C-alpha atoms as a PDB file:
ATOM      1  CA  UNK A   1      52.939 121.404 269.477  1.00  0.00           C
ATOM      2  CA  UNK A   2      56.384 120.287 268.358  1.00  0.00           C
ATOM      3  CA  UNK A   3      54.811 118.476 265.386  1.00  0.00           C
ATOM      4  CA  UNK A   4      54.240 121.954 263.878  1.00  0.00           C
ATOM      5  CA  UNK A   5      57.907 122.958 264.242  1.00  0.00           C
ATOM      6  CA  UNK A   6      58.898 122.619 260.550  1.00  0.00           C
ATOM      7  CA  UNK A   7      55.577 124.025 259.324  1.00  0.00           C
ATOM      8  CA  UNK A   8      55.969 127.005 261.668  1.00  0.00           C
ATOM      9  CA  UNK A   9      59.483 127.712 260.369  1.00  0.00           C
ATOM     10  CA  UNK A  10      58.210 127.731 256.785  1.00  0.00           C
ATOM     11  CA  UNK A  11      55.310 130.069 257.538  1.00  0.00           C
ATOM     12  CA  UNK A  12      57.393 132.387 259.730  1.00  0.00           C
ATOM     13  CA  UNK A  13      60.063 132.736 257.013  1.00  0.00           C
ATOM     14  CA  UNK A  14      57.475 133.418 254.332  1.00  0.00           C
ATOM     15  CA  UNK A  15      55.006 135.648 256.152  1.00  0.00           C
ATOM     16  CA  UNK A  16      56.869 138.989 256.294  1.00  0.00           C
ATOM     17  CA  UNK A  17      58.033 139.081 252.619  1.00  0.00           C
ATOM     18  CA  UNK A  18      54.597 137.863 251.556  1.00  0.00           C
ATOM     19  CA  UNK A  19      52.789 140.629 253.440  1.00  0.00           C
ATOM     20  CA  UNK A  20      55.170 143.281 252.087  1.00  0.00           C
ATOM     21  CA  UNK A  21      54.409 142.051 248.555  1.00  0.00           C
ATOM     22  CA  UNK A  22      51.015 143.771 248.831  1.00  0.00           C
ATOM     23  CA  UNK A  23      52.567 147.165 249.435  1.00  0.00           C
ATOM     24  CA  UNK A  24      51.697 149.240 246.334  1.00  0.00           C
ATOM     25  CA  UNK A  25      53.432 152.607 246.808  1.00  0.00           C
ATOM     26  CA  UNK A  26      56.984 151.411 246.183  1.00  0.00           C
ATOM     27  CA  UNK A  27      57.949 147.905 245.011  1.00  0.00           C
ATOM     28  CA  UNK A  28      54.399 146.779 244.280  1.00  0.00           C
ATOM     29  CA  UNK A  29      55.795 143.271 244.044  1.00  0.00           C
ATOM     30  CA  UNK A  30      52.492 141.469 243.473  1.00  0.00           C
ATOM     31  CA  UNK A  31      52.501 142.814 239.886  1.00  0.00           C
ATOM     32  CA  UNK A  32      55.336 140.325 239.218  1.00  0.00           C
ATOM     33  CA  UNK A  33      53.598 137.290 240.686  1.00  0.00           C
ATOM     34  CA  UNK A  34      52.956 135.591 237.341  1.00  0.00           C
ATOM     35  CA  UNK A  35      56.635 135.438 236.221  1.00  0.00           C
ATOM     36  CA  UNK A  36      57.821 135.055 239.817  1.00  0.00           C
ATOM     37  CA  UNK A  37      55.687 132.020 240.645  1.00  0.00           C
ATOM     38  CA  UNK A  38      56.350 130.541 237.207  1.00  0.00           C
ATOM     39  CA  UNK A  39      60.088 130.684 237.930  1.00  0.00           C
ATOM     40  CA  UNK A  40      59.710 129.287 241.461  1.00  0.00           C
ATOM     41  CA  UNK A  41      57.506 126.393 240.321  1.00  0.00           C
ATOM     42  CA  UNK A  42      59.649 125.381 237.331  1.00  0.00           C
ATOM     43  CA  UNK A  43      62.918 125.437 239.271  1.00  0.00           C
ATOM     44  CA  UNK A  44      61.192 123.981 242.315  1.00  0.00           C
ATOM     45  CA  UNK A  45      59.990 120.927 240.379  1.00  0.00           C
ATOM     46  CA  UNK A  46      63.581 120.005 239.561  1.00  0.00           C
ATOM     47  CA  UNK A  47      64.733 120.407 243.168  1.00  0.00           C
ATOM     48  CA  UNK A  48      61.695 118.539 244.508  1.00  0.00           C
ATOM     49  CA  UNK A  49      62.468 115.616 242.191  1.00  0.00           C
ATOM     50  CA  UNK A  50      66.045 115.675 243.464  1.00  0.00           C
ATOM     51  CA  UNK A  51      64.801 115.859 247.063  1.00  0.00           C
ATOM     52  CA  UNK A  52      62.370 112.960 246.594  1.00  0.00           C
ATOM     53  CA  UNK A  53      65.117 110.796 245.109  1.00  0.00           C
ATOM     54  CA  UNK A  54      67.575 111.550 247.914  1.00  0.00           C
ATOM     55  CA  UNK A  55      64.848 110.900 250.493  1.00  0.00           C
ATOM     56  CA  UNK A  56      64.081 107.578 248.837  1.00  0.00           C
ATOM     57  CA  UNK A  57      67.810 106.696 248.845  1.00  0.00           C
ATOM     58  CA  UNK A  58      68.150 107.763 252.522  1.00  0.00           C
ATOM     59  CA  UNK A  59      70.779 110.389 251.696  1.00  0.00           C
ATOM     60  CA  UNK A  60      68.744 112.468 254.113  1.00  0.00           C
ATOM     61  CA  UNK A  61      65.661 111.881 256.205  1.00  0.00           C
ATOM     62  CA  UNK A  62      63.045 113.692 258.271  1.00  0.00           C
ATOM     63  CA  UNK A  63      62.198 113.348 261.943  1.00  0.00           C
ATOM     64  CA  UNK A  64      58.493 112.611 262.499  1.00  0.00           C
ATOM     65  CA  UNK A  65      58.759 114.301 265.891  1.00  0.00           C
ATOM     66  CA  UNK A  66      58.579 117.711 264.165  1.00  0.00           C
ATOM     67  CA  UNK A  67      56.174 116.915 261.306  1.00  0.00           C
ATOM     68  CA  UNK A  68      52.397 117.015 260.953  1.00  0.00           C
ATOM     69  CA  UNK A  69      52.535 113.522 259.492  1.00  0.00           C
ATOM     70  CA  UNK A  70      51.506 113.888 255.839  1.00  0.00           C
ATOM     71  CA  UNK A  71      54.072 112.375 253.438  1.00  0.00           C
ATOM     72  CA  UNK A  72      54.073 112.082 249.643  1.00  0.00           C
ATOM     73  CA  UNK A  73      56.716 109.760 248.129  1.00  0.00           C
ATOM     74  CA  UNK A  74      58.263 109.467 251.619  1.00  0.00           C
ATOM     75  CA  UNK A  75      58.796 113.233 251.738  1.00  0.00           C
ATOM     76  CA  UNK A  76      56.834 115.334 254.254  1.00  0.00           C
ATOM     77  CA  UNK A  77      54.431 118.056 253.173  1.00  0.00           C
ATOM     78  CA  UNK A  78      56.581 120.627 254.957  1.00  0.00           C
ATOM     79  CA  UNK A  79      59.516 119.848 252.635  1.00  0.00           C
ATOM     80  CA  UNK A  80      57.355 120.497 249.553  1.00  0.00           C
ATOM     81  CA  UNK A  81      56.267 123.800 251.069  1.00  0.00           C
ATOM     82  CA  UNK A  82      59.924 124.640 251.695  1.00  0.00           C
ATOM     83  CA  UNK A  83      60.518 124.885 247.921  1.00  0.00           C
ATOM     84  CA  UNK A  84      57.691 127.381 247.545  1.00  0.00           C
ATOM     85  CA  UNK A  85      57.920 129.494 250.683  1.00  0.00           C
ATOM     86  CA  UNK A  86      61.666 129.786 251.346  1.00  0.00           C
ATOM     87  CA  UNK A  87      62.579 130.763 247.740  1.00  0.00           C
ATOM     88  CA  UNK A  88      59.763 133.309 247.769  1.00  0.00           C
ATOM     89  CA  UNK A  89      61.122 134.928 250.918  1.00  0.00           C
ATOM     90  CA  UNK A  90      64.764 134.744 249.825  1.00  0.00           C
ATOM     91  CA  UNK A  91      64.358 136.054 246.291  1.00  0.00           C
ATOM     92  CA  UNK A  92      62.049 138.801 247.578  1.00  0.00           C
ATOM     93  CA  UNK A  93      65.010 140.011 249.687  1.00  0.00           C
ATOM     94  CA  UNK A  94      67.140 140.199 246.536  1.00  0.00           C
ATOM     95  CA  UNK A  95      64.598 142.386 244.753  1.00  0.00           C
ATOM     96  CA  UNK A  96      63.958 144.541 247.817  1.00  0.00           C
ATOM     97  CA  UNK A  97      67.693 145.256 247.936  1.00  0.00           C
ATOM     98  CA  UNK A  98      67.668 146.028 244.218  1.00  0.00           C
ATOM     99  CA  UNK A  99      64.819 148.460 244.708  1.00  0.00           C
ATOM    100  CA  UNK A 100      66.051 150.264 247.811  1.00  0.00           C
ATOM    101  CA  UNK A 101      69.805 150.089 247.062  1.00  0.00           C
ATOM    102  CA  UNK A 102      70.110 150.298 243.259  1.00  0.00           C
ATOM    103  CA  UNK A 103      73.792 151.218 243.452  1.00  0.00           C
ATOM    104  CA  UNK A 104      74.663 148.084 245.392  1.00  0.00           C
ATOM    105  CA  UNK A 105      76.389 145.917 242.807  1.00  0.00           C
ATOM    106  CA  UNK A 106      79.845 144.618 241.960  1.00  0.00           C
ATOM    107  CA  UNK A 107      81.771 145.586 238.871  1.00  0.00           C
ATOM    108  CA  UNK A 108      81.616 143.160 235.967  1.00  0.00           C
ATOM    109  CA  UNK A 109      85.334 142.416 236.352  1.00  0.00           C
ATOM    110  CA  UNK A 110      85.051 141.512 240.039  1.00  0.00           C
ATOM    111  CA  UNK A 111      81.962 139.379 239.361  1.00  0.00           C
ATOM    112  CA  UNK A 112      83.819 137.517 236.627  1.00  0.00           C
ATOM    113  CA  UNK A 113      86.732 136.745 238.946  1.00  0.00           C
ATOM    114  CA  UNK A 114      84.414 135.516 241.711  1.00  0.00           C
ATOM    115  CA  UNK A 115      82.565 133.282 239.249  1.00  0.00           C
ATOM    116  CA  UNK A 116      85.819 131.805 237.956  1.00  0.00           C
ATOM    117  CA  UNK A 117      87.178 131.129 241.451  1.00  0.00           C
ATOM    118  CA  UNK A 118      83.903 129.563 242.573  1.00  0.00           C
ATOM    119  CA  UNK A 119      83.766 127.431 239.437  1.00  0.00           C
ATOM    120  CA  UNK A 120      87.278 126.025 239.959  1.00  0.00           C
ATOM    121  CA  UNK A 121      86.763 125.507 243.696  1.00  0.00           C
ATOM    122  CA  UNK A 122      83.372 123.792 243.413  1.00  0.00           C
ATOM    123  CA  UNK A 123      84.458 121.628 240.490  1.00  0.00           C
ATOM    124  CA  UNK A 124      87.533 120.465 242.427  1.00  0.00           C
ATOM    125  CA  UNK A 125      85.432 119.611 245.504  1.00  0.00           C
ATOM    126  CA  UNK A 126      82.965 117.677 243.350  1.00  0.00           C
ATOM    127  CA  UNK A 127      85.696 115.743 241.531  1.00  0.00           C
ATOM    128  CA  UNK A 128      87.661 114.838 244.666  1.00  0.00           C
ATOM    129  CA  UNK A 129      84.486 113.715 246.458  1.00  0.00           C
ATOM    130  CA  UNK A 130      82.843 111.806 243.611  1.00  0.00           C
ATOM    131  CA  UNK A 131      81.893 108.989 246.028  1.00  0.00           C
ATOM    132  CA  UNK A 132      79.693 111.286 248.164  1.00  0.00           C
ATOM    133  CA  UNK A 133      76.453 111.762 246.297  1.00  0.00           C
ATOM    134  CA  UNK A 134      75.204 114.927 248.015  1.00  0.00           C
ATOM    135  CA  UNK A 135      78.623 116.568 247.745  1.00  0.00           C
ATOM    136  CA  UNK A 136      79.103 115.743 244.081  1.00  0.00           C
ATOM    137  CA  UNK A 137      75.544 116.778 243.152  1.00  0.00           C
ATOM    138  CA  UNK A 138      75.458 120.046 245.089  1.00  0.00           C
ATOM    139  CA  UNK A 139      78.957 121.222 244.168  1.00  0.00           C
ATOM    140  CA  UNK A 140      78.741 119.760 240.667  1.00  0.00           C
ATOM    141  CA  UNK A 141      75.498 121.543 239.840  1.00  0.00           C
ATOM    142  CA  UNK A 142      76.858 124.736 241.332  1.00  0.00           C
ATOM    143  CA  UNK A 143      80.007 124.401 239.180  1.00  0.00           C
ATOM    144  CA  UNK A 144      77.827 123.953 236.086  1.00  0.00           C
ATOM    145  CA  UNK A 145      75.883 127.091 236.977  1.00  0.00           C
ATOM    146  CA  UNK A 146      79.134 129.035 237.420  1.00  0.00           C
ATOM    147  CA  UNK A 147      80.395 127.747 234.072  1.00  0.00           C
ATOM    148  CA  UNK A 148      77.225 129.011 232.404  1.00  0.00           C
ATOM    149  CA  UNK A 149      77.654 132.316 234.226  1.00  0.00           C
ATOM    150  CA  UNK A 150      81.204 132.612 232.865  1.00  0.00           C
ATOM    151  CA  UNK A 151      80.020 131.850 229.329  1.00  0.00           C
ATOM    152  CA  UNK A 152      76.862 133.959 229.234  1.00  0.00           C
ATOM    153  CA  UNK A 153      77.951 136.706 231.667  1.00  0.00           C
ATOM    154  CA  UNK A 154      74.460 137.328 233.073  1.00  0.00           C
ATOM    155  CA  UNK A 155      74.494 140.838 234.496  1.00  0.00           C
ATOM    156  CA  UNK A 156      72.197 140.003 237.413  1.00  0.00           C
ATOM    157  CA  UNK A 157      75.043 138.219 239.177  1.00  0.00           C
ATOM    158  CA  UNK A 158      76.584 141.605 239.987  1.00  0.00           C
ATOM    159  CA  UNK A 159      73.748 142.205 242.445  1.00  0.00           C
ATOM    160  CA  UNK A 160      73.071 138.629 243.441  1.00  0.00           C
ATOM    161  CA  UNK A 161      76.521 137.968 244.923  1.00  0.00           C
ATOM    162  CA  UNK A 162      75.891 140.794 247.394  1.00  0.00           C
ATOM    163  CA  UNK A 163      72.230 139.916 247.927  1.00  0.00           C
ATOM    164  CA  UNK A 164      73.156 136.351 248.767  1.00  0.00           C
ATOM    165  CA  UNK A 165      75.287 137.551 251.690  1.00  0.00           C
ATOM    166  CA  UNK A 166      72.168 139.173 253.177  1.00  0.00           C
ATOM    167  CA  UNK A 167      69.918 136.241 252.238  1.00  0.00           C
ATOM    168  CA  UNK A 168      72.378 133.873 253.881  1.00  0.00           C
ATOM    169  CA  UNK A 169      71.747 135.346 257.353  1.00  0.00           C
ATOM    170  CA  UNK A 170      68.084 134.188 257.691  1.00  0.00           C
ATOM    171  CA  UNK A 171      68.931 131.064 255.667  1.00  0.00           C
ATOM    172  CA  UNK A 172      71.612 130.204 258.239  1.00  0.00           C
ATOM    173  CA  UNK A 173      69.194 130.472 261.170  1.00  0.00           C
ATOM    174  CA  UNK A 174      66.358 128.593 259.433  1.00  0.00           C
ATOM    175  CA  UNK A 175      68.614 125.801 258.204  1.00  0.00           C
ATOM    176  CA  UNK A 176      70.287 125.500 261.597  1.00  0.00           C
ATOM    177  CA  UNK A 177      66.818 125.262 263.120  1.00  0.00           C
ATOM    178  CA  UNK A 178      66.124 122.361 260.758  1.00  0.00           C
ATOM    179  CA  UNK A 179      69.416 120.586 261.424  1.00  0.00           C
ATOM    180  CA  UNK A 180      69.148 120.555 265.195  1.00  0.00           C
ATOM    181  CA  UNK A 181      70.981 123.630 266.460  1.00  0.00           C
ATOM    182  CA  UNK A 182      68.000 124.820 268.477  1.00  0.00           C
ATOM    183  CA  UNK A 183      66.045 121.619 269.103  1.00  0.00           C
ATOM    184  CA  UNK A 184      66.516 118.348 270.919  1.00  0.00           C
ATOM    185  CA  UNK A 185      66.823 116.451 267.622  1.00  0.00           C
ATOM    186  CA  UNK A 186      67.283 117.573 264.005  1.00  0.00           C
ATOM    187  CA  UNK A 187      64.248 117.867 261.758  1.00  0.00           C
ATOM    188  CA  UNK A 188      66.436 116.929 258.783  1.00  0.00           C
ATOM    189  CA  UNK A 189      69.310 114.507 259.194  1.00  0.00           C
ATOM    190  CA  UNK A 190      71.970 113.411 256.688  1.00  0.00           C
ATOM    191  CA  UNK A 191      73.866 110.240 255.905  1.00  0.00           C
ATOM    192  CA  UNK A 192      77.391 111.217 256.988  1.00  0.00           C
ATOM    193  CA  UNK A 193      78.858 108.985 254.246  1.00  0.00           C
ATOM    194  CA  UNK A 194      77.324 111.228 251.557  1.00  0.00           C
ATOM    195  CA  UNK A 195      78.674 114.607 252.727  1.00  0.00           C
ATOM    196  CA  UNK A 196      82.194 115.955 253.281  1.00  0.00           C
ATOM    197  CA  UNK A 197      81.475 116.595 256.959  1.00  0.00           C
ATOM    198  CA  UNK A 198      82.111 120.354 257.138  1.00  0.00           C
ATOM    199  CA  UNK A 199      79.263 122.056 258.999  1.00  0.00           C
ATOM    200  CA  UNK A 200      78.185 125.691 259.114  1.00  0.00           C
ATOM    201  CA  UNK A 201      76.671 125.617 262.562  1.00  0.00           C
ATOM    202  CA  UNK A 202      74.819 122.323 262.269  1.00  0.00           C
ATOM    203  CA  UNK A 203      74.033 122.388 258.536  1.00  0.00           C
ATOM    204  CA  UNK A 204      76.276 120.641 256.004  1.00  0.00           C
ATOM    205  CA  UNK A 205      78.377 122.951 253.823  1.00  0.00           C
ATOM    206  CA  UNK A 206      76.667 121.431 250.794  1.00  0.00           C
ATOM    207  CA  UNK A 207      73.395 123.148 251.784  1.00  0.00           C
ATOM    208  CA  UNK A 208      74.908 126.586 251.134  1.00  0.00           C
ATOM    209  CA  UNK A 209      75.806 125.752 247.522  1.00  0.00           C
ATOM    210  CA  UNK A 210      72.493 123.953 247.055  1.00  0.00           C
ATOM    211  CA  UNK A 211      70.736 127.108 248.246  1.00  0.00           C
ATOM    212  CA  UNK A 212      72.705 129.412 245.936  1.00  0.00           C
ATOM    213  CA  UNK A 213      71.956 127.216 242.914  1.00  0.00           C
ATOM    214  CA  UNK A 214      68.253 127.062 243.766  1.00  0.00           C
ATOM    215  CA  UNK A 215      67.845 130.798 244.311  1.00  0.00           C
ATOM    216  CA  UNK A 216      70.039 132.065 241.493  1.00  0.00           C
ATOM    217  CA  UNK A 217      68.289 129.737 239.034  1.00  0.00           C
ATOM    218  CA  UNK A 218      64.964 131.227 240.094  1.00  0.00           C
ATOM    219  CA  UNK A 219      66.292 134.774 239.672  1.00  0.00           C
ATOM    220  CA  UNK A 220      67.576 133.989 236.173  1.00  0.00           C
ATOM    221  CA  UNK A 221      64.305 132.410 235.102  1.00  0.00           C
ATOM    222  CA  UNK A 222      62.278 135.208 236.679  1.00  0.00           C
ATOM    223  CA  UNK A 223      64.318 137.783 234.754  1.00  0.00           C
ATOM    224  CA  UNK A 224      63.773 135.787 231.555  1.00  0.00           C
ATOM    225  CA  UNK A 225      59.998 135.655 232.029  1.00  0.00           C
ATOM    226  CA  UNK A 226      59.851 139.284 233.121  1.00  0.00           C
ATOM    227  CA  UNK A 227      61.545 140.394 229.906  1.00  0.00           C
ATOM    228  CA  UNK A 228      59.708 137.934 227.674  1.00  0.00           C
ATOM    229  CA  UNK A 229      56.322 139.045 228.974  1.00  0.00           C
ATOM    230  CA  UNK A 230      57.374 142.727 228.925  1.00  0.00           C
ATOM    231  CA  UNK A 231      57.011 143.499 232.621  1.00  0.00           C
ATOM    232  CA  UNK A 232      58.422 146.889 233.706  1.00  0.00           C
ATOM    233  CA  UNK A 233      61.655 146.964 235.717  1.00  0.00           C
ATOM    234  CA  UNK A 234      61.531 147.698 239.416  1.00  0.00           C
ATOM    235  CA  UNK A 235      61.006 151.437 239.738  1.00  0.00           C
ATOM    236  CA  UNK A 236      63.581 153.382 241.716  1.00  0.00           C
ATOM    237  CA  UNK A 237      62.336 155.159 244.810  1.00  0.00           C
ATOM    238  CA  UNK A 238      62.262 158.955 244.870  1.00  0.00           C
ATOM    239  CA  UNK A 239      65.564 159.304 246.709  1.00  0.00           C
ATOM    240  CA  UNK A 240      67.349 157.496 243.908  1.00  0.00           C
ATOM    241  CA  UNK A 241      65.669 159.057 240.910  1.00  0.00           C
ATOM    242  CA  UNK A 242      68.778 161.098 240.115  1.00  0.00           C
ATOM    243  CA  UNK A 243      71.058 158.098 240.093  1.00  0.00           C
END
């Protein structure tokens, strides 16, 4: 049964948010599926291409012990599913928090300071580790995203910084499950020469910034499509109607 380990993690992470998407009395999230899946697929294609390249270059690899055995361009089917199922579950959490806790957001000033600090920090890490390809790509892309945030001042970041703290909890457990914290061997393993070597549990620090860039890009694109196609905003629940 261990060959279903990675597949099981994907399905388990996805199943609860997916089932709650069909709830129609409050969030009624399935009404957003068109812009939501469009955002996930467009952003996902970029990250899949990145993943395929790094797999081909052996920056990271996958343990056949925990895979069903189907690979495309050296990358297992489970990894492709990861870019569909995990973003769905994670970004759903962000919008559930927005719906149920509409007051939960940072001030614009605080968000601007956080973005500036993160930009400087991530850019410095990328520059000083230019010889480590995963470090420079993950922190470099994150720094670029923060620079765009500073320039364009997207308002959604005021919620997303707080949402990401909540999202990070299941992400931590799932990613640690993939990197060997709870199994005999890791499902995903990394070339130690291409990372800075700081681990959060068993996952490389780079994964956290990679995750933020992936999810926040999806949120931004989802918001763009939602507005472009004139979808209604998430409706506040009754308890918050007077807010």
